[in-house]
Protein backbone atom coordinates (compact mmCIF):
# COMPACT_ATOMS: atom_id res chain seq x y z
CA MET A 1 6.27 36.24 57.66
CA PRO A 2 8.54 36.03 54.64
CA VAL A 3 10.18 32.95 55.89
CA ILE A 4 6.76 31.09 55.94
CA ILE A 5 5.76 32.48 52.51
CA ILE A 6 9.05 31.13 50.76
CA PRO A 7 8.33 27.52 51.36
CA ILE A 8 4.60 27.92 50.17
CA ILE A 9 5.84 29.69 47.02
CA VAL A 10 8.45 26.96 46.24
CA GLY A 11 5.58 24.26 47.03
CA LEU A 12 3.13 26.04 44.64
CA LEU A 13 5.64 26.19 41.97
CA ILE A 14 6.64 22.71 42.07
CA TYR A 15 2.88 21.77 42.10
CA LEU A 16 2.29 24.17 39.22
CA GLN A 17 5.22 22.80 36.99
CA LYS A 18 4.29 19.41 37.83
CA TRP A 19 0.57 19.90 36.69
CA VAL A 20 1.90 21.69 33.70
CA TYR A 21 4.17 18.72 32.69
CA GLU A 22 1.67 16.00 33.41
CA ARG A 23 -1.05 17.95 31.17
CA PHE A 24 1.11 19.08 28.28
CA TRP A 25 4.29 17.20 28.16
CA SER A 26 3.16 14.99 25.36
CA ARG A 27 1.21 17.30 23.38
CA ASN A 28 2.64 17.81 20.05
CA LEU A 29 5.45 15.50 20.85
CA ASP A 30 5.89 12.83 18.25
CA ALA A 31 8.59 9.92 17.94
CA GLU A 32 9.16 7.15 15.45
CA ALA A 33 11.81 4.63 14.51
CA ALA A 34 12.53 3.14 11.07
CA PHE A 35 14.86 0.67 9.26
CA ARG A 36 16.81 2.03 6.50
CA ASP A 37 16.41 -1.18 4.31
CA HIS A 38 13.44 -3.19 3.25
CA THR A 39 15.41 -6.33 2.67
CA LEU A 40 18.82 -7.84 3.39
CA SER A 41 20.47 -11.05 4.00
CA ALA A 42 21.24 -12.68 7.38
CA GLY A 43 24.45 -11.43 9.11
CA CYS A 44 24.21 -8.01 7.20
CA GLU A 45 24.10 -4.63 9.00
CA THR A 46 21.50 -2.14 8.49
CA GLU A 47 20.57 1.18 10.23
CA ILE A 48 18.01 2.44 12.52
CA THR A 49 16.71 6.03 12.51
CA GLU A 50 15.32 7.43 15.67
CA ARG A 51 13.22 10.71 15.30
CA MET A 52 11.88 12.79 18.03
CA THR A 53 9.76 16.01 17.39
CA ASN A 54 8.70 18.56 19.97
CA ALA A 55 6.43 21.07 18.43
CA LYS A 56 5.53 23.25 21.44
CA ILE A 57 7.07 25.71 23.70
CA LEU A 58 7.41 23.52 26.63
CA PRO A 59 11.04 21.95 26.73
CA LEU A 60 11.75 18.54 28.10
CA PRO A 61 14.81 18.20 30.22
CA TRP A 62 15.05 14.37 29.41
CA VAL A 63 12.83 11.96 27.50
CA GLN A 64 13.84 8.31 27.10
CA MET A 65 12.85 6.46 23.87
CA LYS A 66 12.34 2.64 24.17
CA PHE A 67 11.49 0.05 21.74
CA GLU A 68 11.61 -3.76 21.14
CA ILE A 69 12.52 -5.29 17.73
CA LEU A 70 10.32 -8.31 17.24
CA ARG A 71 11.43 -11.19 14.91
CA ASN A 72 8.63 -13.16 13.20
CA GLY A 73 6.24 -11.70 15.67
CA LYS A 74 8.00 -12.83 18.84
CA THR A 75 10.58 -11.30 21.15
CA ASP A 76 14.17 -11.84 20.18
CA ASN A 77 15.86 -9.94 23.16
CA LEU A 78 16.34 -6.83 20.94
CA PHE A 79 15.81 -3.72 22.94
CA ARG A 80 16.79 -0.23 22.26
CA ALA A 81 16.75 2.69 24.85
CA GLU A 82 17.91 6.29 23.97
CA LEU A 83 18.02 9.47 26.19
CA PHE A 84 17.01 12.83 24.64
CA ASN A 85 17.18 16.31 25.88
CA ILE A 86 14.64 18.18 23.58
CA LEU A 87 13.87 21.86 23.67
CA PHE A 88 10.90 23.71 22.32
CA HIS A 89 10.12 23.40 18.56
CA GLN A 90 12.91 21.16 18.17
CA GLN A 91 13.59 17.73 16.17
CA ILE A 92 16.38 15.31 17.07
CA VAL A 93 17.26 12.55 14.61
CA ARG A 94 19.79 9.82 15.69
CA LYS A 95 20.97 6.77 13.59
CA SER A 96 22.58 3.69 14.79
CA LYS A 97 23.96 0.71 13.18
CA ILE A 98 22.62 -2.93 13.90
CA THR A 99 23.62 -6.36 12.46
CA LEU A 100 20.80 -8.88 12.14
CA GLU A 101 22.14 -12.22 12.40
CA LYS A 102 19.01 -14.37 11.91
CA ARG A 103 16.51 -14.67 9.18
CA GLY A 104 13.02 -13.44 9.67
CA ILE A 105 10.56 -10.30 9.50
CA TYR A 106 11.99 -7.77 12.03
CA GLN A 107 9.43 -5.17 13.13
CA ILE A 108 9.19 -2.17 15.43
CA SER A 109 5.26 -2.07 16.15
CA GLN A 110 5.43 0.41 19.16
CA VAL A 111 7.67 3.19 20.65
CA SER A 112 7.38 4.11 24.19
CA LEU A 113 8.46 7.70 25.70
CA PHE A 114 9.11 8.14 29.43
CA SER A 115 9.74 11.48 30.99
CA SER A 116 9.08 13.61 33.99
CA ASP A 117 8.75 16.89 35.46
CA LEU A 118 11.73 19.29 36.06
CA PHE A 119 11.90 17.73 39.70
CA ILE A 120 11.34 14.21 38.72
CA SER A 121 8.60 13.91 41.21
CA GLY A 122 6.89 11.23 39.03
CA LYS A 123 7.07 9.37 35.82
CA LEU A 124 5.34 10.15 32.68
CA TYR A 125 4.87 7.76 29.73
CA LYS A 126 3.14 7.37 26.37
CA HIS A 127 3.22 4.60 23.68
CA TYR A 128 3.19 5.27 19.96
CA PRO A 129 2.21 2.97 17.32
CA ASN A 130 4.98 2.38 14.92
CA ARG A 131 5.17 0.73 11.41
CA THR A 132 8.60 -0.32 10.19
CA SER A 133 9.82 -3.69 9.14
CA VAL A 134 12.80 -5.33 7.31
CA THR A 135 12.86 -8.92 5.76
CA VAL A 136 16.12 -10.74 6.54
CA PHE A 137 16.54 -13.43 3.81
CA PRO A 138 18.16 -16.82 4.92
CA GLN A 139 21.87 -17.01 4.38
CA LYS A 140 22.81 -18.87 1.37
CA LEU A 141 25.23 -21.66 1.31
CA PRO A 142 28.36 -21.72 -1.07
CA GLU A 143 27.10 -22.85 -4.44
CA SER A 144 29.86 -25.51 -4.57
CA ASP A 145 27.88 -27.39 -1.67
CA LEU A 146 25.23 -27.93 -4.00
CA ASP A 147 27.34 -29.18 -7.14
CA VAL A 148 26.62 -32.92 -7.09
CA PRO A 149 22.81 -32.83 -6.52
CA TYR A 150 22.54 -29.75 -8.81
CA GLU A 151 24.40 -31.40 -11.69
CA LYS A 152 22.27 -34.42 -11.32
CA LEU A 153 19.09 -32.42 -11.16
CA THR A 154 19.92 -30.22 -14.35
CA GLY A 155 21.05 -33.21 -16.19
CA ASP A 156 17.69 -35.05 -15.65
CA ILE A 157 15.72 -31.97 -16.52
CA ALA A 158 17.78 -31.48 -19.80
CA THR A 159 17.18 -35.22 -20.56
CA ARG A 160 13.41 -34.80 -19.89
CA ARG A 161 13.10 -31.71 -22.09
CA TYR A 162 13.90 -33.71 -25.22
CA THR A 163 12.03 -36.94 -24.27
CA LEU A 164 8.69 -35.41 -23.23
CA GLU A 165 6.38 -34.44 -26.01
CA ASP A 166 3.84 -31.53 -25.75
CA PRO A 167 0.56 -32.72 -27.15
CA PHE A 168 -0.67 -29.30 -27.93
CA LEU A 169 2.40 -28.44 -30.26
CA PHE A 170 2.00 -30.41 -33.59
CA LYS A 171 5.17 -31.22 -35.40
CA GLY A 172 4.19 -33.36 -38.23
CA ILE A 173 3.37 -37.11 -39.43
CA ARG A 174 5.85 -40.02 -39.72
CA GLN A 175 5.55 -43.70 -40.16
CA TYR A 176 4.49 -45.82 -37.24
CA GLN A 177 7.37 -47.50 -35.25
CA GLN A 178 7.21 -50.03 -32.61
CA GLY A 179 6.30 -48.69 -29.37
CA ASP A 180 4.48 -45.62 -30.64
CA SER A 181 1.40 -44.85 -28.75
CA PHE A 182 -2.00 -46.00 -30.35
CA LYS A 183 -3.54 -42.53 -29.46
CA ASN A 184 -0.90 -40.88 -31.71
CA ILE A 185 -2.09 -42.84 -34.81
CA ASN A 186 -3.42 -40.43 -37.60
CA PHE A 187 -6.21 -42.75 -39.09
CA LYS A 188 -7.24 -40.15 -41.89
CA ALA A 189 -3.52 -39.84 -43.16
CA SER A 190 -3.13 -43.73 -42.75
CA ALA A 191 -6.13 -44.46 -44.83
CA ARG A 192 -4.94 -42.31 -47.60
CA SER A 193 -1.42 -43.62 -47.61
CA GLY A 194 -2.21 -47.24 -47.16
CA GLU A 195 0.25 -47.58 -44.17
CA TRP A 196 0.20 -46.52 -40.64
CA LEU A 197 1.13 -43.06 -39.76
CA VAL A 198 1.39 -41.20 -36.24
CA ASN A 199 1.36 -37.71 -35.32
CA THR A 200 4.43 -36.22 -33.70
CA HIS A 201 4.82 -33.40 -31.43
CA GLU A 202 7.30 -30.70 -30.42
CA TYR A 203 9.29 -31.27 -27.39
CA THR A 204 8.09 -29.28 -24.29
CA LEU A 205 10.53 -26.75 -22.72
CA ASP A 206 8.55 -25.96 -19.68
CA GLN A 207 10.26 -28.09 -17.13
CA LYS A 208 9.87 -26.75 -13.41
CA VAL A 209 11.15 -27.86 -9.95
CA ARG A 210 8.88 -28.16 -6.91
CA ILE A 211 10.85 -27.85 -3.75
CA LEU A 212 9.33 -29.43 -0.93
CA LEU A 213 11.03 -28.22 2.39
CA LEU A 214 9.75 -30.46 5.15
CA ALA A 215 10.32 -29.80 9.16
CA ASP A 216 9.28 -33.23 10.39
CA ARG A 217 11.12 -34.42 13.56
CA SER A 218 11.23 -37.78 15.13
CA PHE A 219 12.39 -36.43 18.53
CA LEU A 220 11.93 -33.07 20.12
CA TYR A 221 15.52 -32.03 20.63
CA ALA A 222 16.63 -32.31 16.83
CA GLU A 223 19.47 -30.35 15.63
CA GLU A 224 18.50 -26.86 14.96
CA GLN A 225 21.50 -26.35 12.56
CA GLU A 226 20.36 -29.02 10.35
CA TYR A 227 16.92 -27.53 9.89
CA GLU A 228 18.42 -24.06 9.28
CA ALA A 229 20.72 -25.68 6.61
CA ALA A 230 17.74 -27.34 5.01
CA LEU A 231 16.07 -23.82 4.70
CA SER A 232 19.36 -22.22 3.49
CA TYR A 233 19.61 -25.15 0.82
CA ALA A 234 16.34 -24.36 -0.42
CA ALA A 235 17.10 -20.78 -0.75
CA THR A 236 20.22 -21.27 -2.50
CA LEU A 237 18.81 -23.86 -4.89
CA THR A 238 16.00 -21.63 -5.89
CA GLY A 239 18.25 -18.65 -6.69
CA ARG A 240 20.51 -20.89 -8.63
CA LEU A 241 17.81 -22.44 -10.71
CA GLU A 242 15.85 -19.09 -11.41
CA GLU A 243 19.16 -17.61 -12.63
CA GLU A 244 19.33 -20.40 -15.12
CA GLY A 245 15.81 -19.63 -16.25
CA VAL A 246 14.13 -22.96 -14.53
CA PRO A 247 10.85 -21.99 -12.84
CA VAL A 248 10.40 -22.98 -9.29
CA ILE A 249 7.41 -23.73 -6.96
CA LEU A 250 7.90 -23.84 -3.26
CA GLU A 251 5.84 -25.40 -0.42
CA SER A 252 6.52 -26.51 3.16
CA ASN A 253 4.63 -27.97 6.12
CA ALA A 254 6.58 -25.62 8.36
CA LEU A 255 4.25 -22.87 9.70
CA ASP A 256 4.41 -19.23 8.59
CA ALA A 257 5.31 -17.46 11.97
CA LEU A 258 3.01 -14.56 11.37
CA GLU A 259 0.10 -16.13 9.51
CA ASN A 260 0.20 -19.56 11.13
CA LYS A 261 -0.39 -21.54 7.93
CA GLN A 262 1.67 -23.63 5.48
CA PRO A 263 3.30 -21.44 2.84
CA PHE A 264 2.82 -21.93 -0.98
CA VAL A 265 4.63 -20.03 -3.59
CA PRO A 266 3.15 -20.70 -7.16
CA GLU A 267 5.45 -21.29 -9.99
CA GLY A 268 7.50 -18.44 -11.25
CA CYS A 269 11.12 -17.42 -12.61
CA SER A 270 12.20 -13.64 -11.98
CA GLN A 271 13.98 -11.69 -9.23
CA ASN A 272 10.68 -10.81 -7.78
CA HIS A 273 9.70 -14.55 -7.60
CA THR A 274 13.03 -15.48 -5.97
CA ASP A 275 12.50 -12.69 -3.32
CA ALA A 276 9.06 -13.86 -2.87
CA VAL A 277 10.46 -17.39 -2.08
CA LEU A 278 13.19 -15.86 0.16
CA GLU A 279 10.42 -13.94 2.20
CA ALA A 280 8.35 -17.11 2.71
CA LEU A 281 11.47 -19.12 3.73
CA ALA A 282 12.33 -16.17 6.23
CA ARG A 283 9.07 -16.33 8.03
CA LEU A 284 8.93 -19.91 8.72
CA ASP A 285 8.79 -21.26 12.14
CA LEU A 286 10.60 -24.73 11.88
CA THR A 287 9.43 -25.98 15.23
CA ARG A 288 5.83 -26.13 14.14
CA THR A 289 4.30 -28.07 11.26
CA GLY A 290 1.07 -28.75 9.81
CA GLU A 291 0.58 -31.47 7.20
CA LYS A 292 2.78 -34.76 7.88
CA GLY A 293 5.61 -34.88 5.59
CA GLN A 294 4.98 -38.25 4.08
CA ASP A 295 1.41 -37.31 3.47
CA MET A 296 2.67 -34.32 1.33
CA ILE A 297 5.11 -36.79 -0.61
CA ARG A 298 2.30 -39.14 -1.22
CA ARG A 299 0.15 -36.22 -2.49
CA LEU A 300 2.97 -35.61 -4.97
CA ILE A 301 2.05 -39.05 -6.38
CA ASP A 302 -1.49 -38.19 -6.89
CA GLN A 303 -0.80 -34.98 -8.60
CA ARG A 304 2.21 -35.84 -10.33
CA SER A 305 3.06 -33.85 -13.53
CA ALA A 306 5.40 -34.90 -16.40
CA ASP A 307 6.89 -31.26 -16.41
CA GLU A 308 7.75 -31.05 -12.85
CA TYR A 309 10.97 -32.36 -10.88
CA TYR A 310 10.34 -32.94 -7.13
CA VAL A 311 13.22 -31.78 -4.73
CA ILE A 312 12.46 -32.92 -1.10
CA ILE A 313 14.69 -31.13 1.50
CA CYS A 314 14.53 -32.55 5.12
CA PRO A 315 17.07 -33.43 7.87
CA GLU A 316 14.69 -36.07 9.01
CA HIS A 317 15.02 -39.31 6.99
CA SER A 318 12.94 -41.63 9.07
CA LYS A 319 11.47 -45.06 7.97
CA VAL A 320 8.11 -43.64 7.35
CA LEU A 321 9.36 -40.67 5.18
CA MET A 322 11.68 -43.02 3.18
CA GLU A 323 8.82 -45.36 2.31
CA ALA A 324 6.75 -42.56 1.10
CA TYR A 325 9.77 -41.11 -1.01
CA GLN A 326 10.52 -44.67 -2.42
CA GLU A 327 6.70 -44.76 -3.47
CA LEU A 328 7.22 -41.53 -5.36
CA ALA A 329 10.44 -42.80 -6.77
CA GLU A 330 8.58 -45.70 -8.10
CA TYR A 331 6.10 -43.54 -10.18
CA THR A 332 8.64 -41.04 -11.45
CA THR A 333 12.38 -40.85 -11.47
CA ALA A 334 12.05 -37.13 -11.52
CA CYS A 335 12.70 -36.65 -7.76
CA MET A 336 15.50 -36.10 -5.33
CA TYR A 337 15.82 -36.20 -1.34
CA ILE A 338 18.31 -34.18 0.29
CA ALA A 339 19.07 -34.63 3.87
CA PRO A 340 21.30 -31.96 5.78
CA VAL A 341 23.07 -33.55 8.55
CA THR A 342 25.80 -32.64 11.08
CA TYR A 343 29.29 -34.44 11.47
CA ARG A 344 27.69 -35.67 14.85
CA ALA A 345 24.66 -37.17 13.27
CA ILE A 346 26.85 -39.10 10.57
CA THR A 347 29.13 -40.65 13.24
CA ALA A 348 25.92 -41.92 15.16
CA MET A 349 24.26 -43.26 12.02
CA LYS A 350 22.63 -46.60 11.99
CA GLU A 351 24.04 -49.12 9.33
CA GLU A 352 20.69 -48.74 7.50
CA GLU A 353 21.02 -44.96 7.36
CA ALA A 354 24.40 -44.99 6.13
CA ARG A 355 23.37 -47.19 3.19
CA LEU A 356 20.49 -44.53 2.06
CA GLU A 357 22.66 -42.87 -0.50
CA LYS A 358 23.20 -46.05 -2.35
CA SER A 359 20.16 -48.06 -1.83
CA VAL A 360 17.52 -45.09 -2.29
CA PRO A 361 17.26 -43.53 -5.74
CA ASN A 362 18.60 -39.85 -5.89
CA PHE A 363 19.11 -39.74 -2.24
CA PHE A 364 22.03 -37.33 -1.09
CA TYR A 365 23.22 -36.35 2.33
CA TYR A 366 24.34 -32.74 2.70
CA LYS A 367 27.09 -33.14 5.30
CA LEU A 368 27.47 -29.93 7.30
């Protein structure tokens, strides 16, 4: 009789503990994962804190925490799995290092826990919503790589500052000189003095730079290195200009990976504004575009402003883009086109492409 009872008791115990674990294992059990930093640059190291809390009297021999780190809302094959042995009323905190090589918004949106009963007779699991993210800014280029175009740009801006008058800042009256605009003639003062006099104005100091980052591609398998270099060029140029006190506007036809729209960062000149530009660049999906690049360039012609300098950055320098850019250059000299290209692209260039730096106004290759 006792021999028969023992297996029954063992079976009942196994069933009972299984029932208890299936019903109560996740009660008062919490888990989360969090990044240490809110922002950092590509290639830098950050820390992930994993925290698990068991606030009940039922111990858990093993619990596995799993989560995926998404980049710009998509999988980037970054998975983490940690095994915990957590007793009753206990909290376990673990920290680990991770290096994020690529730009983007990294998110951990869900944490999953897997466990079982004491005899591992079945798998138990639960998913927890998680909210943590870190923005990885684009990697900046050596500032010396920008020297020639940057010196040209800042030289043009300095010249324009003292050749463009602000119609709202009245300075005084002087005698009419050949070439003065008819609208500047002060008729009342001229009538009193018996000679033609014109109003003069202070020179405007509000010169800003509009960066237009284009992601147009003439063929599907374009060099990703060139497009990432274009993005890094925009990031580096923004930081350098705003450090010098020059306001920057950013727009692009590459789509925001999270919001699926073309980004636009309005004029600004501060550390917060620089960070806003870098975040917009970090979120870009360079493989998807909205408006065509040539249409965006021609739109600059329609809305051109005397106090804006246009910097177009795009590896693509096809005929349609060059025609649009040359139309812009006919209306204003305050424009520049920068085309990042690899050594392989340079060696395979056609003759007309190689002549662009000399034949097109303010056209520069950025050679990788």
